[in-house]
C-alpha atoms as a PDB file:
ATOM      1  CA  MET A   1       0.151   0.712  -0.340  1.00  0.00           C
ATOM      2  CA  ASN A   2       1.671   3.372  -0.843  1.00  0.00           C
ATOM      3  CA  CYS A   3       1.392   5.887   1.788  1.00  0.00           C
ATOM      4  CA  PRO A   4       0.941   9.556   1.042  1.00  0.00           C
ATOM      5  CA  LYS A   5       4.525  11.680   0.863  1.00  0.00           C
ATOM      6  CA  LYS A   6       4.954  13.787   3.895  1.00  0.00           C
ATOM      7  CA  THR A   7       5.984  17.322   2.616  1.00  0.00           C
ATOM      8  CA  PRO A   8       8.409  19.690   4.034  1.00  0.00           C
ATOM      9  CA  SER A   9       5.368  22.015   5.126  1.00  0.00           C
ATOM     10  CA  THR A  10       3.689  19.013   6.719  1.00  0.00           C
ATOM     11  CA  TYR A  11       6.820  18.514   8.983  1.00  0.00           C
ATOM     12  CA  ILE A  12       7.308  22.278   9.835  1.00  0.00           C
ATOM     13  CA  SER A  13       3.305  22.335  11.048  1.00  0.00           C
ATOM     14  CA  LEU A  14       4.074  19.636  13.465  1.00  0.00           C
ATOM     15  CA  TYR A  15       6.943  20.666  15.014  1.00  0.00           C
ATOM     16  CA  LEU A  16       5.011  24.377  15.649  1.00  0.00           C
ATOM     17  CA  LEU A  17       1.934  22.067  16.936  1.00  0.00           C
ATOM     18  CA  LEU A  18       4.370  20.386  20.010  1.00  0.00           C
ATOM     19  CA  PHE A  19       6.413  23.664  20.563  1.00  0.00           C
ATOM     20  CA  CYS A  20       3.162  25.282  21.024  1.00  0.00           C
ATOM     21  CA  LEU A  21       2.031  22.487  23.721  1.00  0.00           C
ATOM     22  CA  ALA A  22       5.715  22.670  25.668  1.00  0.00           C
ATOM     23  CA  PHE A  23       5.277  26.644  26.254  1.00  0.00           C
ATOM     24  CA  SER A  24       2.112  26.412  27.212  1.00  0.00           C
ATOM     25  CA  SER A  25       2.729  23.564  29.870  1.00  0.00           C
ATOM     26  CA  CYS A  26       5.125  25.151  31.239  1.00  0.00           C
ATOM     27  CA  LYS A  27       3.220  28.616  31.950  1.00  0.00           C
ATOM     28  CA  GLU A  28       1.160  26.920  33.240  1.00  0.00           C
ATOM     29  CA  LYS A  29       2.696  25.549  35.977  1.00  0.00           C
ATOM     30  CA  LYS A  30       5.166  28.646  36.510  1.00  0.00           C
ATOM     31  CA  GLU A  31       2.246  30.765  36.885  1.00  0.00           C
ATOM     32  CA  LYS A  32       0.481  28.014  39.316  1.00  0.00           C
ATOM     33  CA  GLY A  33       4.332  27.537  41.425  1.00  0.00           C
ATOM     34  CA  LYS A  34       3.919  31.737  41.584  1.00  0.00           C
ATOM     35  CA  GLY A  35       0.721  31.979  42.728  1.00  0.00           C
ATOM     36  CA  GLY A  36       1.284  29.594  45.776  1.00  0.00           C
ATOM     37  CA  GLY A  37       4.242  30.975  46.931  1.00  0.00           C
ATOM     38  CA  GLY A  38       2.838  34.587  46.695  1.00  0.00           C
ATOM     39  CA  ASP A  39      -0.303  33.398  48.682  1.00  0.00           C
ATOM     40  CA  GLU A  40       2.035  31.681  51.403  1.00  0.00           C
ATOM     41  CA  LYS A  41       4.248  34.894  51.795  1.00  0.00           C
ATOM     42  CA  LYS A  42       0.924  36.434  52.300  1.00  0.00           C
ATOM     43  CA  ASP A  43      -0.237  34.368  54.899  1.00  0.00           C
ATOM     44  CA  LYS A  44       3.279  34.779  56.988  1.00  0.00           C
ATOM     45  CA  PRO A  45       2.518  36.229  60.205  1.00  0.00           C
ATOM     46  CA  THR A  46       4.978  39.103  61.682  1.00  0.00           C
ATOM     47  CA  LEU A  47       6.745  38.582  64.661  1.00  0.00           C
ATOM     48  CA  VAL A  48       6.354  41.100  66.930  1.00  0.00           C
ATOM     49  CA  ASP A  49       7.706  41.257  70.778  1.00  0.00           C
ATOM     50  CA  VAL A  50       5.085  44.192  72.199  1.00  0.00           C
ATOM     51  CA  MET A  51       4.371  45.726  76.107  1.00  0.00           C
ATOM     52  CA  VAL A  52       1.077  45.491  77.824  1.00  0.00           C
ATOM     53  CA  ALA A  53       0.584  49.417  78.417  1.00  0.00           C
ATOM     54  CA  THR A  54      -0.141  50.335  82.231  1.00  0.00           C
ATOM     55  CA  LEU A  55       0.311  53.757  84.255  1.00  0.00           C
ATOM     56  CA  GLN A  56       3.736  54.505  85.870  1.00  0.00           C
ATOM     57  CA  PRO A  57       4.744  57.194  88.252  1.00  0.00           C
ATOM     58  CA  ILE A  58       7.017  59.823  86.747  1.00  0.00           C
ATOM     59  CA  THR A  59       8.393  63.140  87.833  1.00  0.00           C
ATOM     60  CA  ASN A  60       8.161  66.216  85.554  1.00  0.00           C
ATOM     61  CA  VAL A  61      11.464  67.465  84.875  1.00  0.00           C
ATOM     62  CA  VAL A  62      13.151  70.074  82.488  1.00  0.00           C
ATOM     63  CA  GLU A  63      16.563  69.978  81.261  1.00  0.00           C
ATOM     64  CA  ALA A  64      18.731  72.287  80.452  1.00  0.00           C
ATOM     65  CA  ASN A  65      22.148  72.715  78.683  1.00  0.00           C
ATOM     66  CA  GLY A  66      24.152  75.217  81.112  1.00  0.00           C
ATOM     67  CA  THR A  67      27.810  76.376  81.008  1.00  0.00           C
ATOM     68  CA  ILE A  68      30.314  76.873  83.493  1.00  0.00           C
ATOM     69  CA  ILE A  69      31.771  80.220  84.861  1.00  0.00           C
ATOM     70  CA  PRO A  70      33.977  81.679  87.576  1.00  0.00           C
ATOM     71  CA  ASN A  71      33.067  83.749  90.074  1.00  0.00           C
ATOM     72  CA  GLU A  72      34.632  86.681  88.018  1.00  0.00           C
ATOM     73  CA  SER A  73      36.469  86.954  84.972  1.00  0.00           C
ATOM     74  CA  THR A  74      38.102  89.709  83.183  1.00  0.00           C
ATOM     75  CA  GLU A  75      41.008  90.682  80.716  1.00  0.00           C
ATOM     76  CA  LEU A  76      43.829  92.112  81.484  1.00  0.00           C
ATOM     77  CA  ARG A  77      44.038  95.226  79.340  1.00  0.00           C
ATOM     78  CA  PRO A  78      46.354  98.530  80.137  1.00  0.00           C
ATOM     79  CA  GLU A  79      43.861 101.801  79.366  1.00  0.00           C
ATOM     80  CA  VAL A  80      46.662 104.075  77.436  1.00  0.00           C
ATOM     81  CA  SER A  81      48.907 103.195  74.680  1.00  0.00           C
ATOM     82  CA  GLY A  82      52.932 102.974  74.943  1.00  0.00           C
ATOM     83  CA  ARG A  83      55.538 100.182  75.527  1.00  0.00           C
ATOM     84  CA  LEU A  84      55.642  97.850  77.903  1.00  0.00           C
ATOM     85  CA  THR A  85      58.709  98.763  80.788  1.00  0.00           C
ATOM     86  CA  TYR A  86      57.494  95.985  83.168  1.00  0.00           C
ATOM     87  CA  LEU A  87      55.878  92.836  83.098  1.00  0.00           C
ATOM     88  CA  ASN A  88      55.207  90.391  85.807  1.00  0.00           C
ATOM     89  CA  VAL A  89      52.132  88.455  84.416  1.00  0.00           C
ATOM     90  CA  PRO A  90      53.197  84.607  86.525  1.00  0.00           C
ATOM     91  CA  GLU A  91      50.854  82.304  83.706  1.00  0.00           C
ATOM     92  CA  GLY A  92      48.626  79.462  86.110  1.00  0.00           C
ATOM     93  CA  LYS A  93      49.553  81.424  89.383  1.00  0.00           C
ATOM     94  CA  SER A  94      47.115  83.112  92.071  1.00  0.00           C
ATOM     95  CA  VAL A  95      47.726  86.601  92.783  1.00  0.00           C
ATOM     96  CA  ALA A  96      46.420  88.944  95.126  1.00  0.00           C
ATOM     97  CA  GLN A  97      44.462  91.954  94.433  1.00  0.00           C
ATOM     98  CA  GLY A  98      46.377  95.029  93.909  1.00  0.00           C
ATOM     99  CA  THR A  99      49.153  92.979  92.232  1.00  0.00           C
ATOM    100  CA  ILE A 100      51.262  95.554  89.686  1.00  0.00           C
ATOM    101  CA  LEU A 101      50.980  93.015  86.399  1.00  0.00           C
ATOM    102  CA  ALA A 102      52.230  95.735  84.159  1.00  0.00           C
ATOM    103  CA  ARG A 103      53.520  99.264  83.806  1.00  0.00           C
ATOM    104  CA  ILE A 104      53.802 101.255  80.138  1.00  0.00           C
ATOM    105  CA  ASN A 105      56.691 104.190  79.453  1.00  0.00           C
ATOM    106  CA  SER A 106      55.403 107.424  81.607  1.00  0.00           C
ATOM    107  CA  ALA A 107      58.807 108.677  81.253  1.00  0.00           C
ATOM    108  CA  ASP A 108      57.317 112.073  79.520  1.00  0.00           C
ATOM    109  CA  LEU A 109      54.339 112.155  81.815  1.00  0.00           C
ATOM    110  CA  GLU A 110      56.537 112.137  85.079  1.00  0.00           C
ATOM    111  CA  ALA A 111      58.884 114.981  83.514  1.00  0.00           C
ATOM    112  CA  GLN A 112      55.348 117.131  82.871  1.00  0.00           C
ATOM    113  CA  VAL A 113      54.422 116.670  86.637  1.00  0.00           C
ATOM    114  CA  GLN A 114      57.885 117.915  87.447  1.00  0.00           C
ATOM    115  CA  ARG A 115      57.400 120.967  85.612  1.00  0.00           C
ATOM    116  CA  THR A 116      54.240 121.500  86.753  1.00  0.00           C
ATOM    117  CA  LYS A 117      55.092 121.553  90.335  1.00  0.00           C
ATOM    118  CA  VAL A 118      58.351 123.750  90.121  1.00  0.00           C
ATOM    119  CA  GLN A 119      55.154 126.432  88.468  1.00  0.00           C
ATOM    120  CA  LEU A 120      53.052 125.419  91.014  1.00  0.00           C
ATOM    121  CA  GLU A 121      55.272 126.924  93.979  1.00  0.00           C
ATOM    122  CA  THR A 122      56.218 129.595  91.615  1.00  0.00           C
ATOM    123  CA  ALA A 123      52.470 130.674  91.724  1.00  0.00           C
ATOM    124  CA  THR A 124      52.025 129.897  95.588  1.00  0.00           C
ATOM    125  CA  ARG A 125      54.784 132.152  96.457  1.00  0.00           C
ATOM    126  CA  THR A 126      52.949 135.048  94.061  1.00  0.00           C
ATOM    127  CA  GLU A 127      50.079 134.398  95.743  1.00  0.00           C
ATOM    128  CA  GLU A 128      51.081 134.381  99.294  1.00  0.00           C
ATOM    129  CA  ARG A 129      52.790 137.852  98.686  1.00  0.00           C
ATOM    130  CA  LEU A 130      49.695 139.586  96.912  1.00  0.00           C
ATOM    131  CA  ARG A 131      47.127 138.282  99.788  1.00  0.00           C
ATOM    132  CA  LYS A 132      49.851 140.071 102.170  1.00  0.00           C
ATOM    133  CA  LEU A 133      49.468 142.878  99.926  1.00  0.00           C
ATOM    134  CA  LEU A 134      45.931 143.060  99.452  1.00  0.00           C
ATOM    135  CA  ASP A 135      45.061 142.658 103.244  1.00  0.00           C
ATOM    136  CA  VAL A 136      46.942 146.716 103.132  1.00  0.00           C
ATOM    137  CA  ASN A 137      44.814 147.463 100.114  1.00  0.00           C
ATOM    138  CA  GLY A 138      48.341 147.313  98.500  1.00  0.00           C
ATOM    139  CA  ILE A 139      46.556 145.688  95.124  1.00  0.00           C
ATOM    140  CA  ASN A 140      43.452 145.103  93.468  1.00  0.00           C
ATOM    141  CA  GLN A 141      41.219 141.899  94.241  1.00  0.00           C
ATOM    142  CA  SER A 142      41.080 141.459  89.911  1.00  0.00           C
ATOM    143  CA  ASP A 143      44.890 140.482  90.707  1.00  0.00           C
ATOM    144  CA  TYR A 144      44.706 138.810  93.540  1.00  0.00           C
ATOM    145  CA  ASP A 145      42.323 136.470  92.087  1.00  0.00           C
ATOM    146  CA  ALA A 146      43.972 135.978  88.687  1.00  0.00           C
ATOM    147  CA  ALA A 147      46.595 134.656  90.824  1.00  0.00           C
ATOM    148  CA  LEU A 148      44.935 132.705  92.904  1.00  0.00           C
ATOM    149  CA  ASN A 149      43.257 131.145  89.655  1.00  0.00           C
ATOM    150  CA  THR A 150      46.965 130.408  88.548  1.00  0.00           C
ATOM    151  CA  VAL A 151      47.595 128.615  91.746  1.00  0.00           C
ATOM    152  CA  ASN A 152      44.165 126.151  91.322  1.00  0.00           C
ATOM    153  CA  THR A 153      44.637 125.263  87.879  1.00  0.00           C
ATOM    154  CA  LEU A 154      48.576 124.219  88.094  1.00  0.00           C
ATOM    155  CA  LYS A 155      47.150 122.137  91.089  1.00  0.00           C
ATOM    156  CA  ALA A 156      44.588 120.509  88.933  1.00  0.00           C
ATOM    157  CA  ASP A 157      46.903 119.737  85.813  1.00  0.00           C
ATOM    158  CA  ALA A 158      49.020 117.990  88.595  1.00  0.00           C
ATOM    159  CA  ALA A 159      46.030 115.821  89.555  1.00  0.00           C
ATOM    160  CA  TYR A 160      45.456 115.293  85.694  1.00  0.00           C
ATOM    161  CA  THR A 161      49.014 114.237  84.831  1.00  0.00           C
ATOM    162  CA  GLN A 162      49.267 112.113  88.166  1.00  0.00           C
ATOM    163  CA  THR A 163      45.795 109.647  87.131  1.00  0.00           C
ATOM    164  CA  LEU A 164      47.683 109.528  83.237  1.00  0.00           C
ATOM    165  CA  ILE A 165      50.417 108.017  85.227  1.00  0.00           C
ATOM    166  CA  ASP A 166      48.251 105.959  87.305  1.00  0.00           C
ATOM    167  CA  LYS A 167      46.439 104.618  83.891  1.00  0.00           C
ATOM    168  CA  THR A 168      50.359 103.275  83.108  1.00  0.00           C
ATOM    169  CA  ILE A 169      49.855 100.549  85.379  1.00  0.00           C
ATOM    170  CA  VAL A 170      48.267  97.063  85.646  1.00  0.00           C
ATOM    171  CA  ARG A 171      46.859  96.096  88.957  1.00  0.00           C
ATOM    172  CA  ALA A 172      45.223  92.639  89.471  1.00  0.00           C
ATOM    173  CA  PRO A 173      41.372  93.807  89.531  1.00  0.00           C
ATOM    174  CA  PHE A 174      40.921  90.684  92.527  1.00  0.00           C
ATOM    175  CA  SER A 175      42.720  88.404  93.783  1.00  0.00           C
ATOM    176  CA  GLY A 176      42.578  84.969  91.560  1.00  0.00           C
ATOM    177  CA  THR A 177      44.352  82.883  88.605  1.00  0.00           C
ATOM    178  CA  ILE A 178      46.491  84.374  85.996  1.00  0.00           C
ATOM    179  CA  GLY A 179      45.824  82.842  82.019  1.00  0.00           C
ATOM    180  CA  LEU A 180      48.580  82.645  79.508  1.00  0.00           C
ATOM    181  CA  ARG A 181      50.636  85.883  79.164  1.00  0.00           C
ATOM    182  CA  GLN A 182      49.896  86.982  75.310  1.00  0.00           C
ATOM    183  CA  VAL A 183      52.410  89.686  75.272  1.00  0.00           C
ATOM    184  CA  SER A 184      56.225  90.344  75.980  1.00  0.00           C
ATOM    185  CA  PRO A 185      58.321  92.939  77.647  1.00  0.00           C
ATOM    186  CA  GLY A 186      59.253  95.538  75.605  1.00  0.00           C
ATOM    187  CA  ALA A 187      56.092  95.241  73.134  1.00  0.00           C
ATOM    188  CA  TYR A 188      54.116  98.651  72.238  1.00  0.00           C
ATOM    189  CA  VAL A 189      49.989  98.466  73.641  1.00  0.00           C
ATOM    190  CA  THR A 190      47.192  99.972  73.078  1.00  0.00           C
ATOM    191  CA  PRO A 191      43.855  99.883  75.410  1.00  0.00           C
ATOM    192  CA  THR A 192      42.850  97.006  72.999  1.00  0.00           C
ATOM    193  CA  THR A 193      45.931  94.882  73.710  1.00  0.00           C
ATOM    194  CA  ILE A 194      44.566  91.945  75.395  1.00  0.00           C
ATOM    195  CA  LEU A 195      47.842  91.364  78.227  1.00  0.00           C
ATOM    196  CA  ALA A 196      46.040  87.872  79.815  1.00  0.00           C
ATOM    197  CA  THR A 197      42.702  86.905  81.454  1.00  0.00           C
ATOM    198  CA  MET A 198      42.376  86.521  84.597  1.00  0.00           C
ATOM    199  CA  GLN A 199      39.946  83.939  86.520  1.00  0.00           C
ATOM    200  CA  GLN A 200      38.305  83.671  90.802  1.00  0.00           C
ATOM    201  CA  LEU A 201      37.877  79.321  90.475  1.00  0.00           C
ATOM    202  CA  GLY A 202      37.060  80.177  94.196  1.00  0.00           C
ATOM    203  CA  ARG A 203      33.084  79.480  93.931  1.00  0.00           C
ATOM    204  CA  MET A 204      32.160  78.382  90.561  1.00  0.00           C
ATOM    205  CA  LYS A 205      28.419  79.549  88.960  1.00  0.00           C
ATOM    206  CA  ILE A 206      26.545  78.314  85.376  1.00  0.00           C
ATOM    207  CA  ASP A 207      24.385  79.572  83.731  1.00  0.00           C
ATOM    208  CA  PHE A 208      22.015  78.275  81.667  1.00  0.00           C
ATOM    209  CA  THR A 209      18.845  79.253  79.632  1.00  0.00           C
ATOM    210  CA  LEU A 210      14.982  77.717  80.560  1.00  0.00           C
ATOM    211  CA  PRO A 211      12.188  77.809  78.555  1.00  0.00           C
ATOM    212  CA  GLU A 212       9.649  80.961  79.079  1.00  0.00           C
ATOM    213  CA  GLU A 213       6.746  78.301  79.402  1.00  0.00           C
ATOM    214  CA  ASN A 214       8.489  77.286  82.452  1.00  0.00           C
ATOM    215  CA  SER A 215       9.918  80.248  84.163  1.00  0.00           C
ATOM    216  CA  ASP A 216       7.262  79.694  87.187  1.00  0.00           C
ATOM    217  CA  LEU A 217       9.782  76.422  88.262  1.00  0.00           C
ATOM    218  CA  ILE A 218      12.611  78.968  89.223  1.00  0.00           C
ATOM    219  CA  ARG A 219      12.731  82.019  91.585  1.00  0.00           C
ATOM    220  CA  ILE A 220      16.228  83.245  93.664  1.00  0.00           C
ATOM    221  CA  GLY A 221      17.036  80.577  95.940  1.00  0.00           C
ATOM    222  CA  SER A 222      15.537  77.896  94.451  1.00  0.00           C
ATOM    223  CA  VAL A 223      18.080  74.215  94.163  1.00  0.00           C
ATOM    224  CA  VAL A 224      18.550  72.260  90.768  1.00  0.00           C
ATOM    225  CA  LYS A 225      20.566  69.740  89.850  1.00  0.00           C
ATOM    226  CA  VAL A 226      23.914  69.813  87.834  1.00  0.00           C
ATOM    227  CA  LYS A 227      25.012  67.244  86.381  1.00  0.00           C
ATOM    228  CA  LEU A 228      29.187  67.814  84.652  1.00  0.00           C
ATOM    229  CA  GLU A 229      29.983  66.385  81.502  1.00  0.00           C
ATOM    230  CA  GLY A 230      33.423  64.314  81.614  1.00  0.00           C
ATOM    231  CA  ARG A 231      34.771  62.216  84.011  1.00  0.00           C
ATOM    232  CA  ASP A 232      33.595  63.356  87.435  1.00  0.00           C
ATOM    233  CA  THR A 233      29.860  62.234  86.409  1.00  0.00           C
ATOM    234  CA  THR A 234      27.942  63.164  89.695  1.00  0.00           C
ATOM    235  CA  MET A 235      24.901  64.781  90.712  1.00  0.00           C
ATOM    236  CA  ARG A 236      25.519  68.049  92.328  1.00  0.00           C
ATOM    237  CA  ARG A 237      23.615  70.955  93.960  1.00  0.00           C
ATOM    238  CA  ALA A 238      23.127  74.833  92.254  1.00  0.00           C
ATOM    239  CA  THR A 239      21.418  77.731  94.615  1.00  0.00           C
ATOM    240  CA  VAL A 240      19.669  80.153  92.140  1.00  0.00           C
ATOM    241  CA  ILE A 241      21.145  83.826  92.399  1.00  0.00           C
ATOM    242  CA  ALA A 242      19.547  85.926  89.742  1.00  0.00           C
ATOM    243  CA  LEU A 243      17.315  85.925  87.080  1.00  0.00           C
ATOM    244  CA  GLU A 244      17.299  87.877  83.156  1.00  0.00           C
ATOM    245  CA  PRO A 245      14.031  89.875  83.731  1.00  0.00           C
ATOM    246  CA  GLN A 246      12.986  89.870  79.830  1.00  0.00           C
ATOM    247  CA  ALA A 247      13.273  87.021  77.985  1.00  0.00           C
ATOM    248  CA  ASN A 248      15.508  85.980  74.577  1.00  0.00           C
ATOM    249  CA  ARG A 249      13.118  88.097  71.396  1.00  0.00           C
ATOM    250  CA  GLN A 250      14.375  85.163  69.465  1.00  0.00           C
ATOM    251  CA  THR A 251      14.258  81.926  71.569  1.00  0.00           C
ATOM    252  CA  ARG A 252      11.857  83.118  74.192  1.00  0.00           C
ATOM    253  CA  ASN A 253      14.206  82.144  76.673  1.00  0.00           C
ATOM    254  CA  LEU A 254      15.212  83.186  80.394  1.00  0.00           C
ATOM    255  CA  MET A 255      18.726  83.695  81.601  1.00  0.00           C
ATOM    256  CA  VAL A 256      19.367  81.707  84.784  1.00  0.00           C
ATOM    257  CA  ARG A 257      22.852  82.258  86.914  1.00  0.00           C
ATOM    258  CA  ALA A 258      23.209  79.813  89.674  1.00  0.00           C
ATOM    259  CA  LEU A 259      25.759  79.158  92.451  1.00  0.00           C
ATOM    260  CA  LEU A 260      27.616  75.441  91.785  1.00  0.00           C
ATOM    261  CA  ASP A 261      28.326  73.788  95.770  1.00  0.00           C
ATOM    262  CA  ASN A 262      31.732  72.073  95.476  1.00  0.00           C
ATOM    263  CA  ALA A 263      32.384  71.799  92.674  1.00  0.00           C
ATOM    264  CA  ARG A 264      36.139  71.985  90.740  1.00  0.00           C
ATOM    265  CA  VAL A 265      35.481  72.741  87.301  1.00  0.00           C
ATOM    266  CA  ASN A 266      36.956  74.312  84.416  1.00  0.00           C
ATOM    267  CA  PRO A 267      35.333  77.286  83.193  1.00  0.00           C
ATOM    268  CA  GLY A 268      33.298  76.587  79.856  1.00  0.00           C
ATOM    269  CA  ALA A 269      32.549  73.467  80.270  1.00  0.00           C
ATOM    270  CA  PHE A 270      29.274  72.029  79.269  1.00  0.00           C
ATOM    271  CA  ALA A 271      27.026  70.958  82.299  1.00  0.00           C
ATOM    272  CA  LYS A 272      22.985  69.786  82.312  1.00  0.00           C
ATOM    273  CA  VAL A 273      20.972  71.509  84.396  1.00  0.00           C
ATOM    274  CA  ILE A 274      17.940  68.872  85.879  1.00  0.00           C
ATOM    275  CA  ILE A 275      15.060  71.508  87.494  1.00  0.00           C
ATOM    276  CA  SER A 276      12.136  69.534  88.969  1.00  0.00           C
ATOM    277  CA  SER A 277       8.286  70.811  88.779  1.00  0.00           C
ATOM    278  CA  GLY A 278       7.668  68.534  91.990  1.00  0.00           C
ATOM    279  CA  ASN A 279       4.195  67.491  90.547  1.00  0.00           C
ATOM    280  CA  ASN A 280       4.305  64.012  90.856  1.00  0.00           C
ATOM    281  CA  LYS A 281       1.909  62.072  88.501  1.00  0.00           C
ATOM    282  CA  LYS A 282       1.280  58.507  87.022  1.00  0.00           C
ATOM    283  CA  ALA A 283       1.666  57.863  83.212  1.00  0.00           C
ATOM    284  CA  ILE A 284       1.228  55.825  80.114  1.00  0.00           C
ATOM    285  CA  LEU A 285       5.561  55.331  78.918  1.00  0.00           C
ATOM    286  CA  ILE A 286       6.803  53.915  75.961  1.00  0.00           C
ATOM    287  CA  PRO A 287      10.010  53.337  74.664  1.00  0.00           C
ATOM    288  CA  THR A 288      10.936  56.212  72.241  1.00  0.00           C
ATOM    289  CA  ASN A 289      11.763  53.475  69.287  1.00  0.00           C
ATOM    290  CA  ALA A 290       8.079  52.187  69.193  1.00  0.00           C
ATOM    291  CA  ILE A 291       6.877  55.871  68.011  1.00  0.00           C
ATOM    292  CA  ILE A 292       6.439  56.207  64.004  1.00  0.00           C
ATOM    293  CA  PRO A 293       7.035  59.913  63.114  1.00  0.00           C
ATOM    294  CA  ASP A 294       5.107  61.168  60.531  1.00  0.00           C
ATOM    295  CA  ASP A 295       4.509  64.654  58.740  1.00  0.00           C
ATOM    296  CA  ARG A 296       1.814  65.894  60.851  1.00  0.00           C
ATOM    297  CA  ASN A 297       1.329  62.800  63.808  1.00  0.00           C
ATOM    298  CA  ASN A 298       3.194  60.351  65.715  1.00  0.00           C
ATOM    299  CA  GLN A 299       2.093  56.768  65.510  1.00  0.00           C
ATOM    300  CA  VAL A 300       2.039  53.481  67.374  1.00  0.00           C
ATOM    301  CA  ILE A 301       0.873  50.143  66.398  1.00  0.00           C
ATOM    302  CA  LEU A 302      -1.372  47.596  68.277  1.00  0.00           C
ATOM    303  CA  VAL A 303      -1.966  44.551  68.287  1.00  0.00           C
ATOM    304  CA  LYS A 304      -6.049  44.363  68.269  1.00  0.00           C
ATOM    305  CA  GLY A 305      -7.552  40.797  67.228  1.00  0.00           C
ATOM    306  CA  GLY A 306      -3.938  38.866  65.943  1.00  0.00           C
ATOM    307  CA  LYS A 307      -3.674  42.035  63.618  1.00  0.00           C
ATOM    308  CA  ALA A 308      -1.715  45.402  63.447  1.00  0.00           C
ATOM    309  CA  SER A 309      -3.568  48.645  63.923  1.00  0.00           C
ATOM    310  CA  PHE A 310      -2.022  52.207  63.370  1.00  0.00           C
ATOM    311  CA  VAL A 311      -3.001  54.765  66.268  1.00  0.00           C
ATOM    312  CA  ASN A 312      -2.262  58.628  66.598  1.00  0.00           C
ATOM    313  CA  VAL A 313      -1.198  59.398  69.774  1.00  0.00           C
ATOM    314  CA  GLN A 314      -0.219  62.933  71.617  1.00  0.00           C
ATOM    315  CA  THR A 315       2.969  62.907  73.760  1.00  0.00           C
ATOM    316  CA  GLY A 316       4.230  64.328  76.789  1.00  0.00           C
ATOM    317  CA  THR A 317       7.160  64.425  78.922  1.00  0.00           C
ATOM    318  CA  ARG A 318      10.263  62.539  77.638  1.00  0.00           C
ATOM    319  CA  THR A 319      13.224  60.843  79.361  1.00  0.00           C
ATOM    320  CA  ALA A 320      16.328  59.127  78.187  1.00  0.00           C
ATOM    321  CA  ASN A 321      14.634  56.197  76.398  1.00  0.00           C
ATOM    322  CA  ASN A 322      10.935  56.908  77.036  1.00  0.00           C
ATOM    323  CA  VAL A 323       7.953  58.803  76.279  1.00  0.00           C
ATOM    324  CA  GLU A 324       4.920  59.719  78.077  1.00  0.00           C
ATOM    325  CA  ILE A 325       1.436  59.186  76.251  1.00  0.00           C
ATOM    326  CA  THR A 326      -0.969  61.463  77.168  1.00  0.00           C
ATOM    327  CA  GLN A 327      -3.818  60.782  74.588  1.00  0.00           C
ATOM    328  CA  GLY A 328      -4.379  57.387  72.004  1.00  0.00           C
ATOM    329  CA  ILE A 329      -3.582  54.776  74.017  1.00  0.00           C
ATOM    330  CA  SER A 330      -5.908  52.891  77.129  1.00  0.00           C
ATOM    331  CA  GLU A 331      -4.560  51.138  79.906  1.00  0.00           C
ATOM    332  CA  GLY A 332      -4.023  47.482  78.719  1.00  0.00           C
ATOM    333  CA  ASP A 333      -3.276  47.723  75.274  1.00  0.00           C
ATOM    334  CA  SER A 334      -0.604  45.874  73.531  1.00  0.00           C
ATOM    335  CA  VAL A 335       1.969  47.963  72.236  1.00  0.00           C
ATOM    336  CA  VAL A 336       4.652  46.996  69.823  1.00  0.00           C
ATOM    337  CA  VAL A 337       7.784  47.662  70.425  1.00  0.00           C
ATOM    338  CA  THR A 338      10.297  45.335  68.520  1.00  0.00           C
ATOM    339  CA  GLY A 339       9.360  44.366  64.602  1.00  0.00           C
ATOM    340  CA  VAL A 340       7.810  47.805  63.621  1.00  0.00           C
ATOM    341  CA  LEU A 341       9.490  48.349  61.058  1.00  0.00           C
ATOM    342  CA  PHE A 342       8.123  45.239  59.609  1.00  0.00           C
ATOM    343  CA  ALA A 343       4.311  45.603  60.497  1.00  0.00           C
ATOM    344  CA  LYS A 344       1.748  46.439  58.078  1.00  0.00           C
ATOM    345  CA  PRO A 345      -1.495  48.292  58.953  1.00  0.00           C
ATOM    346  CA  ASP A 346      -4.332  45.007  58.892  1.00  0.00           C
ATOM    347  CA  ALA A 347      -1.241  42.839  58.889  1.00  0.00           C
ATOM    348  CA  ILE A 348      -1.315  39.196  60.982  1.00  0.00           C
ATOM    349  CA  LEU A 349       1.268  39.776  63.610  1.00  0.00           C
ATOM    350  CA  LYS A 350       2.813  36.922  66.075  1.00  0.00           C
ATOM    351  CA  VAL A 351       3.732  37.663  69.701  1.00  0.00           C
ATOM    352  CA  ARG A 352       6.908  36.367  70.266  1.00  0.00           C
ATOM    353  CA  LYS A 353       6.999  37.923  73.784  1.00  0.00           C
ATOM    354  CA  ALA A 354       5.198  39.892  75.955  1.00  0.00           C
ATOM    355  CA  ALA A 355       6.022  42.257  79.067  1.00  0.00           C
ATOM    356  CA  LYS A 356       4.937  44.901  81.148  1.00  0.00           C
ATOM    357  CA  ARG A 357       6.105  48.132  81.959  1.00  0.00           C
END
């Protein structure tokens, strides 16, 4: 029996049909596998740790940044211009009030004083002689008045020149410690030249700023706590001695000055001032990392019915690690504290650990 002869076009059609069947089968398996894996991933719960919100006692405190300042501080400058003929600035050492630290060349002023004294002696003798003549009506009153005026003028000139000489001497304005010397002997100085700085380190003060709305927490005589930065982290006490009556127009803060008790610290050091309002209360505290900041609101995640519920909250007092929640959370709510970044709205949550604060 003769079989019909197959042409090349018949083989091509057969191959195309087999290829389409194979491609359709592979695509169906791929889509089926893809669909099954996505469902499993979607149904997989997110592991989280939660805390049960409870009321806890907290102390309402205000923290402020402060700067340590000495009891007295000044820059040593000359009052007149001239060349230094004497310089005694013991760097880093204590000096007593009134100690001469520097002298400026005053030879011309001293010569002027001597000349004025000679003129004053002559004018004084003339005034005495004319006074005797005036007593016997030997001269006019105007002649005697002119001689007396000359005496008084020369006395004033001598006093003025002596004042200029006194200004050429730089003395310690108070007992304290000298800083680093900024000039050398023989230098030409002016009133803008700083010879050295001087600090009185016996009693230290602290200046800090306080928000205007908290001004009722501070008054003269109030005691605040101070934490110094550095090796000595002991909490110290300071007594408020003065308040700036006007608030800063840019920051709306008040400047406060307090006297620090028994502290050996360098002026200019940073310190943290802690002010207690004295009003202890109970509130819900949650870890700071449980807060999700938003453009307008702060949010936290609650576990309700095994799912993630995002709620807006209002915050209050903050501490180093916790924040007070004033609105949005009730006592007994389960707040997500770990796994916050992986939870989505209405996602299924699996609680790994629950704790009370």
